[in-house]
Every structure is written in structure tokens, then in C-alpha cells.
Protein backbone atom coordinates (compact mmCIF):
# COMPACT_ATOMS: atom_id res chain seq x y z
CA UNK A 1 -33.79 124.76 71.50
CA UNK A 2 -32.55 121.58 69.88
CA UNK A 3 -29.11 120.98 71.38
CA UNK A 4 -28.04 123.75 73.79
CA UNK A 5 -24.40 123.03 73.05
CA UNK A 6 -24.75 121.95 69.44
CA UNK A 7 -23.25 125.11 67.97
CA UNK A 8 -20.26 124.67 70.29
CA UNK A 9 -19.64 120.94 69.89
CA UNK A 10 -20.65 120.24 66.27
CA UNK A 11 -18.90 121.65 63.23
CA UNK A 12 -20.63 122.49 59.97
CA UNK A 13 -20.88 119.52 57.60
CA UNK A 14 -22.54 119.73 54.20
CA UNK A 15 -23.89 117.26 51.67
CA UNK A 16 -21.28 115.02 50.04
CA UNK A 17 -20.90 115.20 46.27
CA UNK A 18 -20.06 112.36 43.92
CA UNK A 19 -16.54 112.28 42.45
CA UNK A 20 -16.10 114.65 39.54
CA UNK A 21 -14.87 111.95 37.17
CA UNK A 22 -18.07 109.99 37.87
CA UNK A 23 -20.71 112.68 37.79
CA UNK A 24 -19.61 114.41 34.56
CA UNK A 25 -20.44 111.17 32.76
CA UNK A 26 -24.14 111.37 33.63
CA UNK A 27 -26.92 113.88 34.32
CA UNK A 28 -27.94 112.66 37.76
CA UNK A 29 -27.84 115.03 40.72
CA UNK A 30 -24.30 115.65 41.89
CA UNK A 31 -24.89 114.76 45.54
CA UNK A 32 -24.31 111.31 47.02
CA UNK A 33 -27.80 109.82 47.54
CA UNK A 34 -28.67 109.39 51.20
CA UNK A 35 -25.51 111.12 52.44
CA UNK A 36 -27.36 113.81 54.37
CA UNK A 37 -29.68 111.80 56.60
CA UNK A 38 -26.98 110.31 58.89
CA UNK A 39 -25.56 113.76 59.69
CA UNK A 40 -28.53 116.07 59.45
CA UNK A 41 -29.93 115.72 62.98
CA UNK A 42 -26.65 116.88 64.49
CA UNK A 43 -26.44 119.68 61.94
CA UNK A 44 -29.95 120.81 62.84
CA UNK A 45 -28.83 120.74 66.48
CA UNK A 46 -26.41 123.59 65.72
CA UNK A 47 -29.42 125.93 65.48
CA UNK A 48 -29.39 128.24 68.52
CA UNK A 49 -33.14 129.04 68.58
CA UNK A 50 -32.21 132.71 68.69
CA UNK A 51 -34.40 135.17 70.51
CA UNK A 52 -34.58 137.09 67.25
CA UNK A 53 -34.13 134.54 64.44
CA UNK A 54 -32.71 136.65 61.63
CA UNK A 55 -32.98 133.64 59.32
CA UNK A 56 -36.73 134.39 59.22
CA UNK A 57 -36.12 137.78 57.64
CA UNK A 58 -33.30 136.44 55.47
CA UNK A 59 -35.78 134.02 53.87
CA UNK A 60 -38.36 135.74 51.60
CA UNK A 61 -40.81 132.97 52.51
CA UNK A 62 -40.42 133.59 56.23
CA UNK A 63 -39.68 129.90 56.80
CA UNK A 64 -40.00 128.79 60.43
CA UNK A 65 -36.42 127.59 60.43
CA UNK A 66 -35.69 127.17 64.18
CA UNK A 67 -38.91 125.17 64.57
CA UNK A 68 -38.21 122.60 61.90
CA UNK A 69 -34.55 122.46 62.89
CA UNK A 70 -35.68 121.45 66.35
CA UNK A 71 -38.02 118.77 64.99
CA UNK A 72 -35.30 117.43 62.68
CA UNK A 73 -32.86 117.23 65.59
CA UNK A 74 -35.42 115.18 67.53
CA UNK A 75 -36.20 112.94 64.51
CA UNK A 76 -39.82 114.14 64.48
CA UNK A 77 -39.97 114.28 60.71
CA UNK A 78 -43.76 114.54 60.41
CA UNK A 79 -43.80 117.66 62.57
CA UNK A 80 -40.82 119.02 60.67
CA UNK A 81 -42.50 118.74 57.26
CA UNK A 82 -45.71 120.23 58.64
CA UNK A 83 -43.85 123.36 59.78
CA UNK A 84 -41.84 123.49 56.55
CA UNK A 85 -44.92 123.22 54.34
CA UNK A 86 -46.67 125.91 56.39
CA UNK A 87 -44.65 128.55 54.55
CA UNK A 88 -43.13 126.80 51.51
CA UNK A 89 -45.07 124.86 48.89
CA UNK A 90 -42.00 123.34 47.25
CA UNK A 91 -39.06 122.88 49.63
CA UNK A 92 -37.59 120.21 47.34
CA UNK A 93 -37.05 123.03 44.80
CA UNK A 94 -35.63 125.63 47.16
CA UNK A 95 -33.59 123.03 49.07
CA UNK A 96 -31.73 122.29 45.83
CA UNK A 97 -31.74 125.60 43.96
CA UNK A 98 -31.97 128.49 46.40
CA UNK A 99 -28.69 130.32 47.22
CA UNK A 100 -29.82 130.26 50.87
CA UNK A 101 -29.97 133.90 51.98
CA UNK A 102 -31.24 132.46 55.26
CA UNK A 103 -27.77 131.06 55.95
CA UNK A 104 -26.18 134.45 55.31
CA UNK A 105 -28.40 135.91 58.03
CA UNK A 106 -27.96 133.03 60.51
CA UNK A 107 -26.87 134.50 63.87
CA UNK A 108 -24.30 131.73 64.27
CA UNK A 109 -22.75 133.02 61.06
CA UNK A 110 -21.54 136.19 62.81
CA UNK A 111 -18.37 134.42 63.90
CA UNK A 112 -18.80 130.76 62.89
CA UNK A 113 -19.94 128.80 59.82
CA UNK A 114 -23.74 129.11 59.76
CA UNK A 115 -26.26 126.31 60.21
CA UNK A 116 -26.72 124.16 57.08
CA UNK A 117 -30.33 125.34 56.76
CA UNK A 118 -30.64 124.41 53.09
CA UNK A 119 -29.42 120.85 53.68
CA UNK A 120 -31.81 120.38 56.61
CA UNK A 121 -34.67 121.65 54.46
CA UNK A 122 -34.06 119.28 51.57
CA UNK A 123 -33.61 116.34 53.94
CA UNK A 124 -36.96 117.02 55.60
CA UNK A 125 -38.87 117.12 52.32
CA UNK A 126 -37.05 114.17 50.72
CA UNK A 127 -37.76 112.05 53.79
CA UNK A 128 -41.39 113.17 53.72
CA UNK A 129 -41.78 112.01 50.12
CA UNK A 130 -40.08 108.70 50.92
CA UNK A 131 -42.32 108.20 53.97
CA UNK A 132 -45.56 109.03 52.18
CA UNK A 133 -46.11 112.16 54.27
CA UNK A 134 -46.71 114.38 51.23
CA UNK A 135 -50.31 113.84 50.21
CA UNK A 136 -52.89 115.81 48.20
CA UNK A 137 -54.78 118.46 50.17
CA UNK A 138 -57.99 119.08 48.20
CA UNK A 139 -60.33 121.81 49.46
CA UNK A 140 -63.27 120.85 51.65
CA UNK A 141 -65.62 122.86 49.43
CA UNK A 142 -65.48 124.80 46.18
CA UNK A 143 -66.03 128.52 45.98
CA UNK A 144 -67.53 128.53 42.53
CA UNK A 145 -64.87 130.98 41.38
CA UNK A 146 -62.40 130.31 38.56
CA UNK A 147 -58.79 131.46 38.16
CA UNK A 148 -56.38 131.21 35.24
CA UNK A 149 -52.66 131.14 35.99
CA UNK A 150 -50.36 132.03 33.09
CA UNK A 151 -47.00 130.31 33.51
CA UNK A 152 -46.02 127.15 35.35
CA UNK A 153 -42.73 128.15 36.93
CA UNK A 154 -42.36 128.32 40.73
CA UNK A 155 -44.44 131.50 41.05
CA UNK A 156 -47.30 130.16 38.95
CA UNK A 157 -47.31 126.76 40.64
CA UNK A 158 -47.28 128.30 44.11
CA UNK A 159 -50.17 130.63 43.26
CA UNK A 160 -52.12 127.78 41.67
CA UNK A 161 -51.69 125.42 44.60
CA UNK A 162 -52.68 128.05 47.15
CA UNK A 163 -55.77 129.11 45.21
CA UNK A 164 -56.84 125.51 44.57
CA UNK A 165 -56.57 124.73 48.26
CA UNK A 166 -58.66 127.83 48.99
CA UNK A 167 -61.47 126.22 47.00
CA UNK A 168 -61.20 127.99 43.66
CA UNK A 169 -61.13 126.16 40.34
CA UNK A 170 -57.69 126.83 38.85
CA UNK A 171 -56.27 126.20 35.38
CA UNK A 172 -52.56 126.70 34.67
CA UNK A 173 -51.57 127.64 31.12
CA UNK A 174 -48.03 126.83 29.94
CA UNK A 175 -46.68 127.56 26.47
CA UNK A 176 -44.09 124.77 26.60
CA UNK A 177 -44.92 121.09 26.14
CA UNK A 178 -44.37 120.26 29.82
CA UNK A 179 -45.16 121.92 33.12
CA UNK A 180 -42.40 123.55 35.13
CA UNK A 181 -41.15 126.65 33.33
CA UNK A 182 -37.46 127.27 33.96
CA UNK A 183 -37.51 124.51 36.57
CA UNK A 184 -38.16 122.10 33.71
CA UNK A 185 -36.09 123.49 30.87
CA UNK A 186 -33.74 126.05 32.41
CA UNK A 187 -32.31 124.08 35.34
CA UNK A 188 -30.06 121.15 34.35
CA UNK A 189 -30.95 117.74 35.72
CA UNK A 190 -27.65 117.51 37.57
CA UNK A 191 -28.88 120.34 39.80
CA UNK A 192 -32.45 119.06 40.13
CA UNK A 193 -33.80 115.89 38.61
CA UNK A 194 -37.24 116.36 37.09
CA UNK A 195 -38.90 113.70 39.23
CA UNK A 196 -39.26 116.41 41.86
CA UNK A 197 -41.44 118.45 39.49
CA UNK A 198 -43.40 115.46 38.23
CA UNK A 199 -44.58 114.27 41.63
CA UNK A 200 -45.61 117.79 42.67
CA UNK A 201 -47.70 118.04 39.51
CA UNK A 202 -49.32 114.71 40.37
CA UNK A 203 -50.14 116.05 43.83
CA UNK A 204 -51.59 119.27 42.39
CA UNK A 205 -53.71 117.38 39.87
CA UNK A 206 -55.10 115.25 42.70
CA UNK A 207 -55.97 118.46 44.58
CA UNK A 208 -57.93 119.71 41.58
CA UNK A 209 -55.58 122.00 39.66
CA UNK A 210 -55.93 121.74 35.88
CA UNK A 211 -52.98 122.08 33.51
CA UNK A 212 -52.99 123.20 29.88
CA UNK A 213 -49.68 122.80 28.04
CA UNK A 214 -48.66 124.16 24.62
CA UNK A 215 -51.05 127.08 25.01
CA UNK A 216 -49.57 130.57 24.78
CA UNK A 217 -51.82 133.33 26.02
CA UNK A 218 -51.71 136.20 23.56
CA UNK A 219 -51.10 133.94 20.58
CA UNK A 220 -53.23 130.80 20.97
CA UNK A 221 -55.84 132.44 23.20
CA UNK A 222 -56.60 136.15 23.21
CA UNK A 223 -55.87 137.61 26.64
CA UNK A 224 -59.11 139.59 26.72
CA UNK A 225 -61.12 136.45 26.02
CA UNK A 226 -59.27 134.64 28.81
CA UNK A 227 -60.12 137.45 31.23
CA UNK A 228 -63.82 137.12 30.34
CA UNK A 229 -63.70 133.34 30.80
CA UNK A 230 -62.25 133.45 34.33
CA UNK A 231 -63.10 135.39 37.46
CA UNK A 232 -59.43 136.28 37.98
CA UNK A 233 -56.07 135.84 36.26
CA UNK A 234 -52.55 135.51 37.67
CA UNK A 235 -49.71 136.33 35.28
CA UNK A 236 -46.57 134.41 36.22
CA UNK A 237 -44.93 134.34 32.82
CA UNK A 238 -41.43 135.16 34.05
CA UNK A 239 -38.81 137.57 32.72
CA UNK A 240 -37.83 135.67 29.62
CA UNK A 241 -36.08 138.26 27.44
CA UNK A 242 -32.38 137.42 27.54
CA UNK A 243 -29.88 140.27 27.71
CA UNK A 244 -27.95 140.41 24.44
CA UNK A 245 -24.36 141.36 23.64
CA UNK A 246 -24.40 143.72 20.61
CA UNK A 247 -20.76 143.58 19.55
CA UNK A 248 -19.22 142.94 16.12
CA UNK A 249 -19.47 139.28 15.15
CA UNK A 250 -22.58 138.59 17.23
CA UNK A 251 -24.27 137.18 14.11
CA UNK A 252 -21.75 134.34 13.75
CA UNK A 253 -22.92 130.74 14.06
CA UNK A 254 -22.26 129.15 17.44
CA UNK A 255 -23.28 132.10 19.62
CA UNK A 256 -26.44 131.36 21.59
CA UNK A 257 -28.42 132.62 24.55
CA UNK A 258 -28.18 130.34 27.57
CA UNK A 259 -31.92 129.73 27.30
CA UNK A 260 -31.42 128.44 23.76
CA UNK A 261 -28.65 126.12 24.89
CA UNK A 262 -29.84 124.73 28.24
CA UNK A 263 -33.40 123.66 27.29
CA UNK A 264 -32.08 121.45 24.50
CA UNK A 265 -29.92 119.41 26.86
CA UNK A 266 -32.96 118.99 29.10
CA UNK A 267 -34.95 117.86 26.07
CA UNK A 268 -32.37 115.12 25.60
CA UNK A 269 -32.83 114.01 29.20
CA UNK A 270 -36.61 113.98 28.73
CA UNK A 271 -36.14 111.62 25.76
CA UNK A 272 -37.39 114.09 23.14
CA UNK A 273 -34.00 114.32 21.41
CA UNK A 274 -31.20 111.82 20.92
CA UNK A 275 -28.53 114.52 20.90
CA UNK A 276 -28.70 118.26 21.39
CA UNK A 277 -28.58 120.38 18.19
CA UNK A 278 -26.30 122.72 20.14
CA UNK A 279 -23.52 120.69 21.69
CA UNK A 280 -20.18 121.51 23.32
CA UNK A 281 -18.61 118.19 22.33
CA UNK A 282 -15.00 118.70 21.30
CA UNK A 283 -15.35 122.49 21.26
CA UNK A 284 -13.74 125.36 23.08
CA UNK A 285 -16.66 126.84 25.02
CA UNK A 286 -16.92 130.37 26.40
CA UNK A 287 -19.70 131.27 28.82
CA UNK A 288 -20.33 135.00 29.17
CA UNK A 289 -21.87 135.76 32.56
CA UNK A 290 -20.69 134.77 36.01
CA UNK A 291 -24.01 133.95 37.69
CA UNK A 292 -25.89 130.73 38.34
CA UNK A 293 -27.14 130.44 34.76
CA UNK A 294 -23.56 130.72 33.58
CA UNK A 295 -22.54 127.96 35.99
CA UNK A 296 -25.35 125.80 34.58
CA UNK A 297 -23.85 126.30 31.11
CA UNK A 298 -20.42 125.34 32.47
CA UNK A 299 -21.70 122.09 33.99
CA UNK A 300 -23.65 121.26 30.86
CA UNK A 301 -20.60 121.82 28.64
CA UNK A 302 -18.52 119.51 30.84
CA UNK A 303 -21.08 116.72 30.44
CA UNK A 304 -21.21 117.21 26.68
CA UNK A 305 -17.45 116.71 26.40
CA UNK A 306 -16.15 120.22 25.79
CA UNK A 307 -12.48 120.58 24.89
CA UNK A 308 -12.24 123.55 27.25
CA UNK A 309 -14.62 125.81 29.18
CA UNK A 310 -13.96 129.45 30.05
CA UNK A 311 -16.41 131.63 31.98
CA UNK A 312 -16.20 135.42 31.71
CA UNK A 313 -17.44 137.99 34.23
CA UNK A 314 -17.18 141.74 33.72
CA UNK A 315 -17.11 142.52 37.44
CA UNK A 316 -14.00 142.01 39.63
CA UNK A 317 -13.58 138.74 41.49
CA UNK A 318 -15.53 138.84 44.79
CA UNK A 319 -13.63 138.43 48.02
CA UNK A 320 -13.49 135.25 50.09
CA UNK A 321 -15.01 137.04 53.12
CA UNK A 322 -17.75 139.58 53.65
CA UNK A 323 -16.90 143.07 52.46
CA UNK A 324 -17.23 145.86 55.01
CA UNK A 325 -20.14 147.41 53.10
CA UNK A 326 -22.03 144.06 53.22
CA UNK A 327 -22.22 143.37 56.96
CA UNK A 328 -24.18 140.57 58.60
CA UNK A 329 -27.12 139.85 58.16
CA UNK A 330 -27.13 141.12 54.56
CA UNK A 331 -26.57 138.73 51.67
CA UNK A 332 -22.91 139.21 50.74
CA UNK A 333 -21.17 138.94 47.38
CA UNK A 334 -18.59 136.25 48.13
CA UNK A 335 -16.49 134.18 45.77
CA UNK A 336 -18.43 130.97 45.23
CA UNK A 337 -17.25 127.69 43.79
CA UNK A 338 -20.27 125.77 42.54
CA UNK A 339 -20.25 122.06 41.80
CA UNK A 340 -19.96 122.95 38.09
CA UNK A 341 -16.78 124.91 38.78
CA UNK A 342 -15.37 121.98 40.74
CA UNK A 343 -15.57 120.01 37.52
CA UNK A 344 -13.03 122.15 35.69
CA UNK A 345 -12.70 125.13 33.43
CA UNK A 346 -11.28 128.63 33.85
CA UNK A 347 -12.94 131.73 35.26
CA UNK A 348 -11.87 135.17 34.11
CA UNK A 349 -12.95 138.26 36.04
CA UNK A 350 -12.94 141.96 35.13
CA UNK A 351 -12.98 141.29 31.38
CA UNK A 352 -15.23 142.61 28.63
CA UNK A 353 -15.89 141.15 25.18
CA UNK A 354 -14.97 143.51 22.33
CA UNK A 355 -15.87 141.35 19.33
CA UNK A 356 -16.06 137.84 17.90
CA UNK A 357 -13.98 136.42 15.08
CA UNK A 358 -15.21 133.70 12.74
CA UNK A 359 -14.00 131.44 9.94
CA UNK A 360 -14.86 131.67 6.27
CA UNK A 361 -18.02 129.60 6.84
CA UNK A 362 -19.41 132.07 9.37
CA UNK A 363 -18.71 129.99 12.48
CA UNK A 364 -17.33 131.65 15.58
CA UNK A 365 -13.70 130.73 16.30
CA UNK A 366 -12.33 133.34 18.69
CA UNK A 367 -13.56 135.81 21.28
CA UNK A 368 -11.62 139.06 21.69
CA UNK A 369 -11.62 140.61 25.16
CA UNK A 370 -9.99 143.29 27.21
CA UNK A 371 -9.48 143.75 30.92
CA UNK A 372 -11.50 146.44 32.70
CA UNK A 373 -11.20 148.32 35.97
CA UNK A 374 -13.24 150.78 37.99
CA UNK A 375 -12.28 154.44 37.59
CA UNK A 376 -14.43 157.13 39.17
CA UNK A 377 -17.19 154.58 39.64
CA UNK A 378 -17.16 153.46 36.00
CA UNK A 379 -15.70 150.42 34.27
CA UNK A 380 -12.91 151.48 31.95
CA UNK A 381 -10.73 149.32 29.65
CA UNK A 382 -7.11 148.72 30.57
CA UNK A 383 -4.75 149.89 27.87
CA UNK A 384 -2.79 147.09 26.24
CA UNK A 385 -4.86 144.30 27.81
CA UNK A 386 -6.54 143.11 24.61
CA UNK A 387 -6.27 139.43 23.71
CA UNK A 388 -8.27 136.64 22.13
CA UNK A 389 -9.26 133.18 23.32
CA UNK A 390 -10.57 130.20 21.32
CA UNK A 391 -14.36 130.06 21.20
CA UNK A 392 -16.26 127.60 19.03
CA UNK A 393 -19.40 127.72 21.17
CA UNK A 394 -20.43 130.84 23.09
CA UNK A 395 -23.36 131.04 25.50
CA UNK A 396 -24.73 134.38 26.68
CA UNK A 397 -25.80 134.10 30.32
CA UNK A 398 -26.01 137.75 31.29
CA UNK A 399 -29.47 137.78 32.82
CA UNK A 400 -32.91 138.82 31.64
CA UNK A 401 -34.41 142.20 30.89
CA UNK A 402 -38.15 141.74 31.22
CA UNK A 403 -41.36 140.02 30.22
CA UNK A 404 -41.85 138.92 26.63
CA UNK A 405 -44.19 141.40 24.93
CA UNK A 406 -43.98 139.91 21.45
CA UNK A 407 -46.88 137.49 21.99
CA UNK A 408 -49.46 140.23 22.62
CA UNK A 409 -50.23 139.33 26.23
CA UNK A 410 -49.32 142.73 27.67
CA UNK A 411 -51.03 144.65 24.88
CA UNK A 412 -54.20 142.56 24.83
CA UNK A 413 -54.71 142.84 28.57
CA UNK A 414 -53.84 146.54 28.45
CA UNK A 415 -51.27 146.18 31.23
CA UNK A 416 -49.23 149.07 32.57
CA UNK A 417 -45.47 148.61 32.92
CA UNK A 418 -43.10 150.04 35.50
CA UNK A 419 -39.94 152.01 34.77
CA UNK A 420 -37.95 148.77 34.39
CA UNK A 421 -40.30 147.25 31.84
CA UNK A 422 -41.92 144.81 34.27
CA UNK A 423 -45.68 144.50 34.71
CA UNK A 424 -46.70 147.07 37.33
CA UNK A 425 -48.73 146.03 40.36
CA UNK A 426 -49.93 147.39 43.71
CA UNK A 427 -49.48 146.08 47.26
CA UNK A 428 -51.96 143.26 46.61
CA UNK A 429 -50.09 142.23 43.43
CA UNK A 430 -53.00 143.60 41.37
CA UNK A 431 -52.28 145.17 37.98
CA UNK A 432 -54.12 148.16 36.54
CA UNK A 433 -56.62 145.72 35.01
CA UNK A 434 -59.30 144.64 37.55
CA UNK A 435 -59.02 140.97 38.41
CA UNK A 436 -55.60 140.54 36.83
CA UNK A 437 -52.64 139.93 39.15
CA UNK A 438 -48.94 139.38 38.58
CA UNK A 439 -46.36 137.35 40.51
CA UNK A 440 -42.72 136.39 40.17
CA UNK A 441 -40.22 137.67 37.66
CA UNK A 442 -42.93 139.12 35.38
CA UNK A 443 -43.57 141.78 38.02
CA UNK A 444 -40.43 141.71 40.11
CA UNK A 445 -37.80 141.27 37.44
CA UNK A 446 -35.19 138.53 37.38
CA UNK A 447 -34.84 137.12 40.89
CA UNK A 448 -34.45 134.00 43.02
CA UNK A 449 -36.65 130.91 43.12
CA UNK A 450 -37.49 131.59 46.76
CA UNK A 451 -38.78 135.03 45.83
CA UNK A 452 -40.87 133.49 43.03
CA UNK A 453 -42.61 131.10 45.43
CA UNK A 454 -43.09 133.88 47.98
CA UNK A 455 -44.64 136.13 45.35
CA UNK A 456 -46.89 133.34 44.10
CA UNK A 457 -48.21 132.77 47.62
CA UNK A 458 -48.73 136.48 48.20
CA UNK A 459 -50.47 137.03 44.87
CA UNK A 460 -52.76 134.10 45.68
CA UNK A 461 -53.81 135.87 48.86
CA UNK A 462 -54.58 139.01 46.85
CA UNK A 463 -56.69 137.04 44.39
CA UNK A 464 -58.49 135.20 47.18
CA UNK A 465 -59.40 138.53 48.81
CA UNK A 466 -60.57 139.89 45.45
CA UNK A 467 -62.85 136.88 44.90
CA UNK A 468 -64.22 136.41 48.41
CA UNK A 469 -63.59 139.64 50.32
CA UNK A 470 -61.19 138.00 52.77
CA UNK A 471 -58.40 135.42 52.84
CA UNK A 472 -56.77 133.06 55.29
CA UNK A 473 -53.91 132.23 52.92
CA UNK A 474 -50.40 132.87 54.19
CA UNK A 475 -48.68 135.77 52.42
CA UNK A 476 -44.96 136.14 53.24
CA UNK A 477 -44.34 139.41 51.38
CA UNK A 478 -45.47 142.73 52.77
CA UNK A 479 -45.89 145.90 50.67
CA UNK A 480 -42.73 147.41 52.17
CA UNK A 481 -40.61 144.47 50.95
CA UNK A 482 -40.48 145.78 47.40
CA UNK A 483 -41.33 148.80 45.32
CA UNK A 484 -44.78 148.37 43.80
CA UNK A 485 -46.28 150.92 41.45
CA UNK A 486 -49.21 150.93 39.06
């Protein structure tokens, strides 16, 4: 146990953020650089080293949280990063982007603010990079087996790194022009600067992983031919079909999916574009969808100089405390103010869009909505609650419905789908096609980054067993953790 009295004597303290008026003028990460290190050892000392650490089960990766908390408290940073990397390939990603279900299941959180697990995690990995403690880990010998990984998001990268380290020759195929998937083009730089992706790719290249960009399997390379070329294939193509809003006026100019809007701003930061073709500058912006992607649109609109930003959510506003039907250690639906929301804008709950109104040139100008409420378990409109709000740019951030089937990948492989339209797989993450595996959102459906990495690691173990008959790779997900059908 780190500090036996730490949870009694030390209050919770989180990372400091830069002033709003400063950070909305740039695209750098919102946190004050170096603000965590002076406080993090004491924060790690709040960990109680519980007899049953529920944070382990709260984390899909099964991170050894009490262990690296103890090392961080004692300033043994090399030991801390060793324990952190034992279960998580990319803690610099999860430490910035994960909603931290581990903190919701922290035992201290029963009656006190939980340990700042996420902040400790990101401090450990950032210090490890700064200290040169993150180095390539190439395999001692090669197996002679080859694996293709389709998709370079967190699931694909995790699977590729694990399989490379197991001695297999791995090539990652990415249809975009850069590696990273949604980490690269879906997550704004103010949440995670892309240097964190770039140096991981450098590490993976040094370990032996090959990367092929601007290659879409199903279009540029026939999936069947790819299967013949490699001994195994991992599909980690994500759930990239955005949920649409089929209401009158949807065809008006200025209404875009979030994944049409966000990548362009990232392209500007990469230097590919001078200005985004879709910009919020001087416009009244409406973001439909109250999740993290919606918040990313809000923060992006602020930085582009929007005249106003309004975020809509069809569900009622969550409470400030756990609801009775979401007891500890479950992950509760609690009202959350992200750093993007700190920067301004209005949030409207329990409202539904009825239609859009445009000008004579076909550009959206107003969004018409109505309030809704639950009646007999169903959302019903409130009579007389209709109104309209200005909307010159609308982003649809209502989630994703499944894997893209338009490119022929699913058909060419002959893959079976589950009842939700995801690629079906068994307990080893194997599809109905021998030697073809699936990990991440492509098989699970839209989920968290921590689940994507966990699935990538577990699929890698399945592939390793398929190729060699056994595997020593760590697999955090057990068959009972999710419904798997083929």
C-alpha cells in the first residue's frame, strides 16, 4: 500500500487546464504542461490497495492499477511504466481519451472522490517517454508467419504490436493517408496532440511492423487475394457508418456528419489544408448528439470562431449523482462538463429535431425542435413545445451503426454478420472464415478506446494460437465479457 493514510489526508486534485480565453485560440492540448507531475505522487498515494481492487474489473484492459499507483507514489517510474505496459500498449491514448470506468469502480469512490487513476496513468507514460524508457521491443526470433491487419485505429495498432512482438511479420493496411484511424482524424488535437501517435508508430516500425497507407481492402486489394497472401488477417476497420437524421430539410447545405466535419480540422493541423472547407467561423452552430463526439464538435466550433454553439440531446439531463439503478461499481450516467463545454455554448436536453429550414440558396438557416418526455417507457413530444433556433452549420454526432460494407470487404471475405450488423466472431475473435479475425468496433459495435485496445490484444492472442497452436500473449477479455456469435 502506497500511503496508508493517503485517502484520509489527501483530497482529490486533477490536472489543471489552461484558461479558456487562451486555449480556444490554438489547437494545443487543453491541460497545463507539466502540471500533473508535482501532485501526482500524493494523488497515487490515495490508492488503498484494496483486498479486492474493483478498478481491475472496471478497466476492460485489467490494468494493474494499485501496483503502478504504488510505484508512482514511491517515484519508481521505471517500475510503474513496466506494470502499466504489461496490460496496455498505449496508455498515452487511454490516459487522455478514456472516460475512466476504472475510477467509477474505485472502492474509495463509494463515499469519497475516487483516485485520479487516469491522471496517474498519463503521468507515468509521459514521464517514460521523456526519460527514454519507452523503447522498441523487437522479437527475439521470427515465426515465419505473416499477418495482415486492416485498420490502424487503437484496436488494429494493439493487435499489430502484440503479433509483431510474438515474432510474426505484420503489415497494417490503412485507407487514409496517415496511420491512426479515428485517433488521427476523429479526435481533435486539443484532446490529444498527434505527436503521441507519431512516436508510437516510430516505435512499432522499429519493432518490425509494416504500414501501408492509402490502401483500402475491398477496393484497392481484393479481400480474397489478401487472405491468400497472408497466413492470418485481423479486421479492425471500425464502425464507420454514421447514424443519420432523416427529417425534412436534411438535404440542405451546411448539414454534415461529425466525421465529415472533424477530420477536416485535423487536416488543417497536419498542414494539408490552409483552412477547413467546413468551418464554423461566424456561424450559429448546432451539434446534434450529446456524447463525446458531440463535445469534440463543440470544442472545434469554438476554435473556429462560431457565433454561437448549441448542443442537442434527445435524452433527459443526467443527474449530478449516481442514480439508484446505477450503483457502485457500475459506470453511471452522470452529468459531465467536458473541457469543450467549459469554453461556452448551450446544452439542450430532452429535445428532438423535427425539420430544418433553409434560405432560397439551399443553405440551412434554422433547426426546428420540440421537447420530449418519457411516457410508458417511450419518448413522446410535448404539446406546444415546438420552436426554432438559428443553425447555419449543423453537425450530426449521434453515433455509428456498423461497419462499412460499401467497399466489398465483408462480401469478398464472405463474412457473417450478427443481429446488429457487426462482423460476427467466436470466443477467440475468429470469424466464420478460417484465419480471419475481428477486433474493436467492427465486431463489438461503437465503443470506448479502452475496449478497442483490449479487443486488439485479445484478438492477437487468438491469431497467435491459430498460427502456432499456443500463445503467451496477454488477453484481457474473456468470452463471458461480451456476446459473441458466429
